[in-house]
Amino acid sequence: MITVTPYEQLGKFRNEWLNATHHFSFGSYRDPNRMGFGPLVVWNDDTIAPGQGFDLHGHRDMEIITVVRTGAVSHQDHLGNKGRTAAGDVQVMSAGAGILHAEYNFEDMPTTLFQIWLRPHTRGMSPHWETKTFPGNKKKGLVPLASGRPADAGSGALPIHCDAAILGASLSAGSTVQHIFAPGRAAYMVADGGSITINGVDARSRDGIEVRNESQIDITAGQDTRIVMVDLALTE
C-alpha cells in the first residue's frame, strides 16, 4: 500500500529565519494521525536564512540525520566536533547519552535540508557526530547514506544505531529505480525537485510517501529529481 500526503497538508512553522514543514508531529504541530512511522519520529523540511540557525541545545537517545539539499550547515558540539556539511552531503549525530550542539547557516544563501530523527535500538550509548560527501551519480540507483542494517556494513554509509537505512538516488526524467523490501519492512520517502510515480501512484516534489506491505517498488521520475528514502521495520 502506498499513501501520499501532499506537501500542503503537512505541518508548518514559520518565523523570521526558519521556514519549516513537519511530516510528523513536532514542536507546536500536533496531529494524532501523524505521530511517526515505526522508529521514524521526525522528518523536517527546513529552509534556514543566511547567517541564522539553531543555538546550542541538547538531545538524548536519538539518531539525527541531516541531508543537505542546497547551501550548507555548520555544526559545533560540546565534544569538540566542528564541521560543514554542504549540498548533497549528509551528517549523522547519534545523541546517545547526551549531546549539546548548534547548527548554523553561515552561507550567503538560504540552506535547505531534510532532518530525519530515528529512535535508536539502544539507549545511553556514547554520542557521536560525523559528516560525509556522497558524489552524485545517476547510474548508481539507491545508495545507502546512513544505515544500521547489517547488510550495509562496508557500504560506506554513515553508521546509525537503528535497524533502518537512509537511501538516496538522483534520477533523470523518465528513469526508474527499483527497491526490493525484505520481509516485514516498509519505507517513507520524499522526492526533492520533481514528480515521481511509485508503482503507478503519483507524488509531487516534497510530498510525504508511506510504503507498507509491498515486496517491491518501481520509482519513475517525471522530471529530474532526487529521492530520499528510509527503509525500516515498523515493529522497531
C-alpha atoms as a PDB file:
ATOM      1  CA  MET A   1       0.000   0.000   0.000  1.00  0.00           C
ATOM      2  CA  ILE A   2       1.313   3.419  -0.975  1.00  0.00           C
ATOM      3  CA  THR A   3      -0.084   6.510   0.746  1.00  0.00           C
ATOM      4  CA  VAL A   4       0.791  10.038  -0.370  1.00  0.00           C
ATOM      5  CA  THR A   5       0.300  13.069   1.905  1.00  0.00           C
ATOM      6  CA  PRO A   6       0.513  16.296  -0.135  1.00  0.00           C
ATOM      7  CA  TYR A   7       3.137  18.809   0.945  1.00  0.00           C
ATOM      8  CA  GLU A   8       0.434  21.431   1.567  1.00  0.00           C
ATOM      9  CA  GLN A   9      -1.239  19.183   4.182  1.00  0.00           C
ATOM     10  CA  LEU A  10       1.901  18.706   6.281  1.00  0.00           C
ATOM     11  CA  GLY A  11       2.601  20.743   9.432  1.00  0.00           C
ATOM     12  CA  LYS A  12       4.066  24.246   9.050  1.00  0.00           C
ATOM     13  CA  PHE A  13       6.195  26.549  11.187  1.00  0.00           C
ATOM     14  CA  ARG A  14       7.395  29.980  10.093  1.00  0.00           C
ATOM     15  CA  ASN A  15       9.420  32.744  11.753  1.00  0.00           C
ATOM     16  CA  GLU A  16      11.793  35.431  10.510  1.00  0.00           C
ATOM     17  CA  TRP A  17      14.614  32.989   9.691  1.00  0.00           C
ATOM     18  CA  LEU A  18      13.158  29.452   9.578  1.00  0.00           C
ATOM     19  CA  ASN A  19      10.635  28.027   7.123  1.00  0.00           C
ATOM     20  CA  ALA A  20       9.845  24.503   8.320  1.00  0.00           C
ATOM     21  CA  THR A  21       7.495  21.771   7.164  1.00  0.00           C
ATOM     22  CA  HIS A  22       6.901  18.840   9.531  1.00  0.00           C
ATOM     23  CA  HIS A  23       5.995  15.432   8.101  1.00  0.00           C
ATOM     24  CA  PHE A  24       5.210  14.228  11.633  1.00  0.00           C
ATOM     25  CA  SER A  25       4.107  15.909  14.860  1.00  0.00           C
ATOM     26  CA  PHE A  26       6.889  18.212  16.053  1.00  0.00           C
ATOM     27  CA  GLY A  27       7.094  21.327  18.229  1.00  0.00           C
ATOM     28  CA  SER A  28       3.779  23.171  18.164  1.00  0.00           C
ATOM     29  CA  TYR A  29       2.428  20.960  15.336  1.00  0.00           C
ATOM     30  CA  ARG A  30       0.370  18.073  16.659  1.00  0.00           C
ATOM     31  CA  ASP A  31      -1.605  15.601  14.559  1.00  0.00           C
ATOM     32  CA  PRO A  32      -2.610  12.342  16.294  1.00  0.00           C
ATOM     33  CA  ASN A  33      -2.633  10.638  12.894  1.00  0.00           C
ATOM     34  CA  ARG A  34       0.986  11.653  12.201  1.00  0.00           C
ATOM     35  CA  MET A  35       2.980  10.650  15.266  1.00  0.00           C
ATOM     36  CA  GLY A  36       5.718   8.830  13.386  1.00  0.00           C
ATOM     37  CA  PHE A  37       6.281   5.786  11.215  1.00  0.00           C
ATOM     38  CA  GLY A  38       7.873   2.952  13.172  1.00  0.00           C
ATOM     39  CA  PRO A  39      11.197   4.228  14.584  1.00  0.00           C
ATOM     40  CA  LEU A  40      10.984   7.293  12.288  1.00  0.00           C
ATOM     41  CA  VAL A  41       9.660  10.101  14.500  1.00  0.00           C
ATOM     42  CA  VAL A  42      10.746  13.298  12.710  1.00  0.00           C
ATOM     43  CA  TRP A  43      11.135  14.340   9.089  1.00  0.00           C
ATOM     44  CA  ASN A  44      11.528  18.105   8.861  1.00  0.00           C
ATOM     45  CA  ASP A  45      11.871  20.015   5.581  1.00  0.00           C
ATOM     46  CA  ASP A  46      13.736  23.191   6.645  1.00  0.00           C
ATOM     47  CA  THR A  47      14.839  26.380   4.926  1.00  0.00           C
ATOM     48  CA  ILE A  48      17.286  28.393   7.067  1.00  0.00           C
ATOM     49  CA  ALA A  49      18.044  32.027   6.235  1.00  0.00           C
ATOM     50  CA  PRO A  50      21.680  33.157   5.731  1.00  0.00           C
ATOM     51  CA  GLY A  51      23.529  33.887   8.963  1.00  0.00           C
ATOM     52  CA  GLN A  52      20.894  32.150  11.077  1.00  0.00           C
ATOM     53  CA  GLY A  53      20.452  28.813  12.793  1.00  0.00           C
ATOM     54  CA  PHE A  54      19.837  26.816  15.934  1.00  0.00           C
ATOM     55  CA  ASP A  55      21.675  27.937  19.073  1.00  0.00           C
ATOM     56  CA  LEU A  56      23.294  25.462  21.478  1.00  0.00           C
ATOM     57  CA  HIS A  57      20.733  22.919  22.656  1.00  0.00           C
ATOM     58  CA  GLY A  58      20.645  19.292  23.719  1.00  0.00           C
ATOM     59  CA  HIS A  59      19.360  15.879  22.647  1.00  0.00           C
ATOM     60  CA  ARG A  60      19.406  12.371  24.110  1.00  0.00           C
ATOM     61  CA  ASP A  61      18.827   8.910  22.637  1.00  0.00           C
ATOM     62  CA  MET A  62      18.046   9.904  19.065  1.00  0.00           C
ATOM     63  CA  GLU A  63      19.704   9.242  15.697  1.00  0.00           C
ATOM     64  CA  ILE A  64      19.585  12.584  13.840  1.00  0.00           C
ATOM     65  CA  ILE A  65      20.425  12.517  10.137  1.00  0.00           C
ATOM     66  CA  THR A  66      20.680  15.728   8.109  1.00  0.00           C
ATOM     67  CA  VAL A  67      20.542  15.579   4.303  1.00  0.00           C
ATOM     68  CA  VAL A  68      21.570  18.975   2.927  1.00  0.00           C
ATOM     69  CA  ARG A  69      19.744  19.916  -0.271  1.00  0.00           C
ATOM     70  CA  THR A  70      21.137  23.413  -1.034  1.00  0.00           C
ATOM     71  CA  GLY A  71      23.663  25.622   0.731  1.00  0.00           C
ATOM     72  CA  ALA A  72      25.440  24.199   3.764  1.00  0.00           C
ATOM     73  CA  VAL A  73      25.022  23.722   7.505  1.00  0.00           C
ATOM     74  CA  SER A  74      27.840  24.211  10.048  1.00  0.00           C
ATOM     75  CA  HIS A  75      27.901  22.056  13.172  1.00  0.00           C
ATOM     76  CA  GLN A  76      29.558  22.511  16.559  1.00  0.00           C
ATOM     77  CA  ASP A  77      29.075  20.446  19.723  1.00  0.00           C
ATOM     78  CA  HIS A  78      30.309  20.164  23.293  1.00  0.00           C
ATOM     79  CA  LEU A  79      32.501  17.184  22.359  1.00  0.00           C
ATOM     80  CA  GLY A  80      34.683  19.473  20.241  1.00  0.00           C
ATOM     81  CA  ASN A  81      33.337  18.385  16.859  1.00  0.00           C
ATOM     82  CA  LYS A  82      33.137  21.087  14.200  1.00  0.00           C
ATOM     83  CA  GLY A  83      32.256  20.681  10.533  1.00  0.00           C
ATOM     84  CA  ARG A  84      30.445  21.966   7.486  1.00  0.00           C
ATOM     85  CA  THR A  85      28.049  19.755   5.508  1.00  0.00           C
ATOM     86  CA  ALA A  86      27.317  21.058   2.012  1.00  0.00           C
ATOM     87  CA  ALA A  87      24.590  20.364  -0.541  1.00  0.00           C
ATOM     88  CA  GLY A  88      24.422  16.689  -1.481  1.00  0.00           C
ATOM     89  CA  ASP A  89      26.222  15.618   1.686  1.00  0.00           C
ATOM     90  CA  VAL A  90      24.971  14.010   4.887  1.00  0.00           C
ATOM     91  CA  GLN A  91      25.708  14.334   8.589  1.00  0.00           C
ATOM     92  CA  VAL A  92      24.782  11.956  11.395  1.00  0.00           C
ATOM     93  CA  MET A  93      24.548  12.859  15.063  1.00  0.00           C
ATOM     94  CA  SER A  94      23.950   9.967  17.446  1.00  0.00           C
ATOM     95  CA  ALA A  95      22.799  11.815  20.564  1.00  0.00           C
ATOM     96  CA  GLY A  96      23.142   8.766  22.816  1.00  0.00           C
ATOM     97  CA  ALA A  97      23.703   9.616  26.491  1.00  0.00           C
ATOM     98  CA  GLY A  98      23.502  13.320  25.651  1.00  0.00           C
ATOM     99  CA  ILE A  99      24.965  15.937  23.339  1.00  0.00           C
ATOM    100  CA  LEU A 100      24.846  19.735  23.155  1.00  0.00           C
ATOM    101  CA  HIS A 101      25.122  21.172  19.656  1.00  0.00           C
ATOM    102  CA  ALA A 102      24.463  24.211  17.458  1.00  0.00           C
ATOM    103  CA  GLU A 103      23.652  24.211  13.734  1.00  0.00           C
ATOM    104  CA  TYR A 104      24.041  27.368  11.619  1.00  0.00           C
ATOM    105  CA  ASN A 105      23.825  28.533   8.045  1.00  0.00           C
ATOM    106  CA  PHE A 106      26.932  30.684   7.582  1.00  0.00           C
ATOM    107  CA  GLU A 107      26.436  30.834   3.803  1.00  0.00           C
ATOM    108  CA  ASP A 108      25.280  33.864   1.779  1.00  0.00           C
ATOM    109  CA  MET A 109      22.244  31.944   0.527  1.00  0.00           C
ATOM    110  CA  PRO A 110      19.401  30.018   2.190  1.00  0.00           C
ATOM    111  CA  THR A 111      20.197  26.466   3.230  1.00  0.00           C
ATOM    112  CA  THR A 112      17.574  23.789   2.635  1.00  0.00           C
ATOM    113  CA  LEU A 113      17.715  20.377   4.236  1.00  0.00           C
ATOM    114  CA  PHE A 114      15.821  17.313   5.368  1.00  0.00           C
ATOM    115  CA  GLN A 115      16.351  16.423   9.022  1.00  0.00           C
ATOM    116  CA  ILE A 116      15.368  12.873   9.949  1.00  0.00           C
ATOM    117  CA  TRP A 117      15.147  11.510  13.511  1.00  0.00           C
ATOM    118  CA  LEU A 118      15.052   7.799  14.343  1.00  0.00           C
ATOM    119  CA  ARG A 119      14.756   6.102  17.719  1.00  0.00           C
ATOM    120  CA  PRO A 120      17.909   4.053  18.446  1.00  0.00           C
ATOM    121  CA  HIS A 121      17.751   0.374  19.314  1.00  0.00           C
ATOM    122  CA  THR A 122      19.835   1.005  22.475  1.00  0.00           C
ATOM    123  CA  ARG A 123      19.663   3.909  24.899  1.00  0.00           C
ATOM    124  CA  GLY A 124      22.565   5.639  26.630  1.00  0.00           C
ATOM    125  CA  MET A 125      25.247   4.990  24.029  1.00  0.00           C
ATOM    126  CA  SER A 126      28.249   7.270  23.563  1.00  0.00           C
ATOM    127  CA  PRO A 127      27.328  10.340  21.467  1.00  0.00           C
ATOM    128  CA  HIS A 128      28.901  10.638  18.035  1.00  0.00           C
ATOM    129  CA  TRP A 129      28.947  13.067  15.095  1.00  0.00           C
ATOM    130  CA  GLU A 130      30.187  12.522  11.530  1.00  0.00           C
ATOM    131  CA  THR A 131      29.726  14.062   8.097  1.00  0.00           C
ATOM    132  CA  LYS A 132      30.400  12.622   4.649  1.00  0.00           C
ATOM    133  CA  THR A 133      30.357  13.623   0.998  1.00  0.00           C
ATOM    134  CA  PHE A 134      28.343  11.463  -1.399  1.00  0.00           C
ATOM    135  CA  PRO A 135      29.282  12.229  -5.021  1.00  0.00           C
ATOM    136  CA  GLY A 136      26.226  12.438  -7.272  1.00  0.00           C
ATOM    137  CA  ASN A 137      25.882   9.608  -9.776  1.00  0.00           C
ATOM    138  CA  LYS A 138      22.620   8.986 -11.597  1.00  0.00           C
ATOM    139  CA  LYS A 139      23.735   5.474 -12.569  1.00  0.00           C
ATOM    140  CA  LYS A 140      24.079   4.024  -9.069  1.00  0.00           C
ATOM    141  CA  GLY A 141      20.408   3.849  -8.095  1.00  0.00           C
ATOM    142  CA  LEU A 142      19.526   3.975  -4.408  1.00  0.00           C
ATOM    143  CA  VAL A 143      22.702   4.400  -2.345  1.00  0.00           C
ATOM    144  CA  PRO A 144      22.881   3.886   1.459  1.00  0.00           C
ATOM    145  CA  LEU A 145      23.709   7.264   3.031  1.00  0.00           C
ATOM    146  CA  ALA A 146      23.334   6.265   6.674  1.00  0.00           C
ATOM    147  CA  SER A 147      22.459   2.817   7.933  1.00  0.00           C
ATOM    148  CA  GLY A 148      22.285   0.439  10.846  1.00  0.00           C
ATOM    149  CA  ARG A 149      21.255  -2.541   8.710  1.00  0.00           C
ATOM    150  CA  PRO A 150      23.803  -5.393   8.858  1.00  0.00           C
ATOM    151  CA  ALA A 151      23.550  -5.753   5.083  1.00  0.00           C
ATOM    152  CA  ASP A 152      25.016  -2.247   4.633  1.00  0.00           C
ATOM    153  CA  ALA A 153      28.205  -2.924   6.598  1.00  0.00           C
ATOM    154  CA  GLY A 154      31.124  -1.936   4.402  1.00  0.00           C
ATOM    155  CA  SER A 155      28.926   0.076   2.016  1.00  0.00           C
ATOM    156  CA  GLY A 156      30.381   3.422   3.056  1.00  0.00           C
ATOM    157  CA  ALA A 157      27.138   4.550   4.685  1.00  0.00           C
ATOM    158  CA  LEU A 158      27.435   6.598   7.870  1.00  0.00           C
ATOM    159  CA  PRO A 159      26.636   4.349  10.853  1.00  0.00           C
ATOM    160  CA  ILE A 160      23.460   4.745  12.926  1.00  0.00           C
ATOM    161  CA  HIS A 161      22.185   2.743  15.918  1.00  0.00           C
ATOM    162  CA  CYS A 162      18.870   1.669  14.401  1.00  0.00           C
ATOM    163  CA  ASP A 163      17.654  -1.106  12.113  1.00  0.00           C
ATOM    164  CA  ALA A 164      16.995   1.377   9.320  1.00  0.00           C
ATOM    165  CA  ALA A 165      18.716   2.823   6.285  1.00  0.00           C
ATOM    166  CA  ILE A 166      18.539   6.273   4.721  1.00  0.00           C
ATOM    167  CA  LEU A 167      18.909   5.808   0.966  1.00  0.00           C
ATOM    168  CA  GLY A 168      19.385   8.417  -1.746  1.00  0.00           C
ATOM    169  CA  ALA A 169      19.121   8.417  -5.529  1.00  0.00           C
ATOM    170  CA  SER A 170      19.406  11.052  -8.244  1.00  0.00           C
ATOM    171  CA  LEU A 171      17.041  10.304 -11.129  1.00  0.00           C
ATOM    172  CA  SER A 172      16.836  11.890 -14.554  1.00  0.00           C
ATOM    173  CA  ALA A 173      13.417  12.436 -16.121  1.00  0.00           C
ATOM    174  CA  GLY A 174      11.912   9.159 -17.334  1.00  0.00           C
ATOM    175  CA  SER A 175      14.351   6.927 -15.463  1.00  0.00           C
ATOM    176  CA  THR A 176      13.299   4.236 -12.986  1.00  0.00           C
ATOM    177  CA  VAL A 177      14.911   2.832  -9.857  1.00  0.00           C
ATOM    178  CA  GLN A 178      13.751  -0.335  -8.127  1.00  0.00           C
ATOM    179  CA  HIS A 179      13.731  -1.160  -4.418  1.00  0.00           C
ATOM    180  CA  ILE A 180      13.087  -4.645  -3.029  1.00  0.00           C
ATOM    181  CA  PHE A 181      11.881  -4.991   0.562  1.00  0.00           C
ATOM    182  CA  ALA A 182      12.985  -7.667   2.958  1.00  0.00           C
ATOM    183  CA  PRO A 183      10.032  -9.308   4.756  1.00  0.00           C
ATOM    184  CA  GLY A 184       8.400  -7.067   7.344  1.00  0.00           C
ATOM    185  CA  ARG A 185       9.966  -3.847   6.111  1.00  0.00           C
ATOM    186  CA  ALA A 186       8.417  -0.590   4.936  1.00  0.00           C
ATOM    187  CA  ALA A 187       9.578   2.832   3.757  1.00  0.00           C
ATOM    188  CA  TYR A 188       8.964   6.542   3.973  1.00  0.00           C
ATOM    189  CA  MET A 189      10.251   8.681   1.122  1.00  0.00           C
ATOM    190  CA  VAL A 190      10.285  12.191  -0.320  1.00  0.00           C
ATOM    191  CA  ALA A 191      11.173  13.387  -3.818  1.00  0.00           C
ATOM    192  CA  ASP A 192      13.133  16.621  -3.975  1.00  0.00           C
ATOM    193  CA  GLY A 193      12.867  18.530  -7.236  1.00  0.00           C
ATOM    194  CA  GLY A 194      10.323  16.790  -9.414  1.00  0.00           C
ATOM    195  CA  SER A 195       7.332  14.477  -9.515  1.00  0.00           C
ATOM    196  CA  ILE A 196       7.612  10.687  -9.282  1.00  0.00           C
ATOM    197  CA  THR A 197       5.403   7.629  -9.736  1.00  0.00           C
ATOM    198  CA  ILE A 198       5.659   4.699  -7.295  1.00  0.00           C
ATOM    199  CA  ASN A 199       4.046   1.504  -8.587  1.00  0.00           C
ATOM    200  CA  GLY A 200       1.613   3.665 -10.534  1.00  0.00           C
ATOM    201  CA  VAL A 201       0.868   6.094  -7.676  1.00  0.00           C
ATOM    202  CA  ASP A 202       1.742   9.729  -8.420  1.00  0.00           C
ATOM    203  CA  ALA A 203       3.509  12.065  -5.981  1.00  0.00           C
ATOM    204  CA  ARG A 204       4.888  15.553  -6.324  1.00  0.00           C
ATOM    205  CA  SER A 205       8.131  17.026  -5.043  1.00  0.00           C
ATOM    206  CA  ARG A 206       8.219  17.188  -1.203  1.00  0.00           C
ATOM    207  CA  ASP A 207       5.051  15.150  -0.658  1.00  0.00           C
ATOM    208  CA  GLY A 208       5.285  12.528   2.086  1.00  0.00           C
ATOM    209  CA  ILE A 209       5.059   8.936   0.833  1.00  0.00           C
ATOM    210  CA  GLU A 210       4.433   5.885   3.031  1.00  0.00           C
ATOM    211  CA  VAL A 211       5.027   2.396   1.647  1.00  0.00           C
ATOM    212  CA  ARG A 212       3.623  -0.601   3.522  1.00  0.00           C
ATOM    213  CA  ASN A 213       3.119  -4.262   2.628  1.00  0.00           C
ATOM    214  CA  GLU A 214       4.953  -4.087  -0.684  1.00  0.00           C
ATOM    215  CA  SER A 215       7.614  -6.567  -1.725  1.00  0.00           C
ATOM    216  CA  GLN A 216       8.993  -4.292  -4.446  1.00  0.00           C
ATOM    217  CA  ILE A 217       8.541  -0.749  -5.710  1.00  0.00           C
ATOM    218  CA  ASP A 218       9.487   0.852  -9.008  1.00  0.00           C
ATOM    219  CA  ILE A 219      10.071   4.602  -8.756  1.00  0.00           C
ATOM    220  CA  THR A 220       9.899   6.541 -12.035  1.00  0.00           C
ATOM    221  CA  ALA A 221      10.871  10.204 -12.250  1.00  0.00           C
ATOM    222  CA  GLY A 222       8.588  12.612 -14.099  1.00  0.00           C
ATOM    223  CA  GLN A 223      11.326  15.260 -14.010  1.00  0.00           C
ATOM    224  CA  ASP A 224      14.922  15.284 -12.806  1.00  0.00           C
ATOM    225  CA  THR A 225      14.729  14.732  -9.059  1.00  0.00           C
ATOM    226  CA  ARG A 226      16.428  13.328  -6.007  1.00  0.00           C
ATOM    227  CA  ILE A 227      14.853  10.641  -3.814  1.00  0.00           C
ATOM    228  CA  VAL A 228      15.490  10.299  -0.091  1.00  0.00           C
ATOM    229  CA  MET A 229      14.032   7.130   1.458  1.00  0.00           C
ATOM    230  CA  VAL A 230      14.098   5.494   4.888  1.00  0.00           C
ATOM    231  CA  ASP A 231      13.836   1.690   4.772  1.00  0.00           C
ATOM    232  CA  LEU A 232      12.779   0.401   8.193  1.00  0.00           C
ATOM    233  CA  ALA A 233      10.899  -2.186  10.215  1.00  0.00           C
ATOM    234  CA  LEU A 234       7.594  -0.837  11.520  1.00  0.00           C
ATOM    235  CA  THR A 235       7.894  -3.073  14.587  1.00  0.00           C
ATOM    236  CA  GLU A 236      11.201  -1.427  15.598  1.00  0.00           C
END
